[in-house]
Amino acid sequence: MELFRPILRVVGYLFLTIFTIQLLNIYFNWFVSNNFMFMPSLYIGIGALFILVLIDRLVSKEDNYYEKNVEK
């Protein structure tokens, strides 16, 4: 599980960076690009970071402590 978190973090930020470069390329025409990966790069990046947050919430011992011991 500890190896899975950094991989998800790198994949998430990498694809969001790719999306940002593609978005800037639309306006500045830095290079000729293919629009094939425009929206999938956004979905993969956000999806990987969302899965990372879910894993962190499910594995966190601190959340389990507060869930049981804090008055509602």
C-alpha atoms as a PDB file:
ATOM      1  CA  MET A   1       0.000   0.000   0.000  1.00  0.00           C
ATOM      2  CA  GLU A   2       2.878   2.365   0.722  1.00  0.00           C
ATOM      3  CA  LEU A   3       4.220   1.936  -2.824  1.00  0.00           C
ATOM      4  CA  PHE A   4       0.772   2.485  -4.341  1.00  0.00           C
ATOM      5  CA  ARG A   5       0.319   6.002  -2.904  1.00  0.00           C
ATOM      6  CA  PRO A   6       3.379   7.631  -4.542  1.00  0.00           C
ATOM      7  CA  ILE A   7       2.523   5.974  -7.849  1.00  0.00           C
ATOM      8  CA  LEU A   8      -1.020   7.392  -7.720  1.00  0.00           C
ATOM      9  CA  ARG A   9       0.337  10.807  -6.745  1.00  0.00           C
ATOM     10  CA  VAL A  10       2.804  10.844  -9.653  1.00  0.00           C
ATOM     11  CA  VAL A  11       0.198   9.616 -12.157  1.00  0.00           C
ATOM     12  CA  GLY A  12      -2.358  12.153 -10.956  1.00  0.00           C
ATOM     13  CA  TYR A  13      -0.072  15.165 -11.084  1.00  0.00           C
ATOM     14  CA  LEU A  14       1.559  14.017 -14.329  1.00  0.00           C
ATOM     15  CA  PHE A  15      -1.751  13.801 -16.175  1.00  0.00           C
ATOM     16  CA  LEU A  16      -2.962  17.102 -14.735  1.00  0.00           C
ATOM     17  CA  THR A  17       0.295  18.671 -15.945  1.00  0.00           C
ATOM     18  CA  ILE A  18      -0.239  17.157 -19.393  1.00  0.00           C
ATOM     19  CA  PHE A  19      -3.775  18.551 -19.420  1.00  0.00           C
ATOM     20  CA  THR A  20      -2.501  22.009 -18.433  1.00  0.00           C
ATOM     21  CA  ILE A  21       0.153  21.990 -21.167  1.00  0.00           C
ATOM     22  CA  GLN A  22      -2.454  20.950 -23.726  1.00  0.00           C
ATOM     23  CA  LEU A  23      -4.800  23.683 -22.538  1.00  0.00           C
ATOM     24  CA  LEU A  24      -2.071  26.327 -22.807  1.00  0.00           C
ATOM     25  CA  ASN A  25      -1.114  24.970 -26.223  1.00  0.00           C
ATOM     26  CA  ILE A  26      -4.644  25.638 -27.490  1.00  0.00           C
ATOM     27  CA  TYR A  27      -4.213  29.340 -26.774  1.00  0.00           C
ATOM     28  CA  PHE A  28      -0.505  29.848 -27.571  1.00  0.00           C
ATOM     29  CA  ASN A  29       0.064  27.260 -30.365  1.00  0.00           C
ATOM     30  CA  TRP A  30       3.465  26.160 -29.085  1.00  0.00           C
ATOM     31  CA  PHE A  31       3.422  22.891 -31.029  1.00  0.00           C
ATOM     32  CA  VAL A  32       1.117  20.794 -33.169  1.00  0.00           C
ATOM     33  CA  SER A  33      -0.806  18.519 -30.854  1.00  0.00           C
ATOM     34  CA  ASN A  34      -3.331  15.770 -30.987  1.00  0.00           C
ATOM     35  CA  ASN A  35      -6.615  16.416 -29.185  1.00  0.00           C
ATOM     36  CA  PHE A  36      -7.016  12.693 -28.568  1.00  0.00           C
ATOM     37  CA  MET A  37      -5.684  12.858 -24.967  1.00  0.00           C
ATOM     38  CA  PHE A  38      -7.113  16.253 -24.020  1.00  0.00           C
ATOM     39  CA  MET A  39     -10.074  15.245 -21.835  1.00  0.00           C
ATOM     40  CA  PRO A  40      -8.837  11.742 -20.883  1.00  0.00           C
ATOM     41  CA  SER A  41      -5.732  13.313 -19.337  1.00  0.00           C
ATOM     42  CA  LEU A  42      -7.971  15.430 -17.103  1.00  0.00           C
ATOM     43  CA  TYR A  43     -10.139  12.457 -16.112  1.00  0.00           C
ATOM     44  CA  ILE A  44      -7.166  10.186 -15.409  1.00  0.00           C
ATOM     45  CA  GLY A  45      -5.420  12.868 -13.330  1.00  0.00           C
ATOM     46  CA  ILE A  46      -8.445  13.734 -11.213  1.00  0.00           C
ATOM     47  CA  GLY A  47      -9.421  10.066 -10.919  1.00  0.00           C
ATOM     48  CA  ALA A  48      -5.972   9.047  -9.656  1.00  0.00           C
ATOM     49  CA  LEU A  49      -5.930  11.835  -7.060  1.00  0.00           C
ATOM     50  CA  PHE A  50      -9.497  10.963  -5.980  1.00  0.00           C
ATOM     51  CA  ILE A  51      -8.520   7.313  -5.476  1.00  0.00           C
ATOM     52  CA  LEU A  52      -5.486   8.510  -3.497  1.00  0.00           C
ATOM     53  CA  VAL A  53      -7.734  10.551  -1.183  1.00  0.00           C
ATOM     54  CA  LEU A  54     -10.094   7.592  -0.705  1.00  0.00           C
ATOM     55  CA  ILE A  55      -7.202   5.291   0.185  1.00  0.00           C
ATOM     56  CA  ASP A  56      -5.796   7.855   2.633  1.00  0.00           C
ATOM     57  CA  ARG A  57      -9.184   8.202   4.324  1.00  0.00           C
ATOM     58  CA  LEU A  58      -9.769   4.465   4.582  1.00  0.00           C
ATOM     59  CA  VAL A  59      -6.285   3.641   5.893  1.00  0.00           C
ATOM     60  CA  SER A  60      -5.912   6.591   8.287  1.00  0.00           C
ATOM     61  CA  LYS A  61      -5.855   5.507  11.937  1.00  0.00           C
ATOM     62  CA  GLU A  62      -6.403   9.094  13.064  1.00  0.00           C
ATOM     63  CA  ASP A  63      -9.804   9.227  11.343  1.00  0.00           C
ATOM     64  CA  ASN A  64     -10.828   5.983  13.035  1.00  0.00           C
ATOM     65  CA  TYR A  65      -9.866   7.390  16.448  1.00  0.00           C
ATOM     66  CA  TYR A  66     -11.901  10.570  16.012  1.00  0.00           C
ATOM     67  CA  GLU A  67     -14.842   8.645  14.591  1.00  0.00           C
ATOM     68  CA  LYS A  68     -15.096   6.557  17.769  1.00  0.00           C
ATOM     69  CA  ASN A  69     -14.064   9.024  20.494  1.00  0.00           C
ATOM     70  CA  VAL A  70     -15.359  12.479  19.572  1.00  0.00           C
ATOM     71  CA  GLU A  71     -18.744  13.453  20.942  1.00  0.00           C
ATOM     72  CA  LYS A  72     -21.403  14.162  18.388  1.00  0.00           C
END
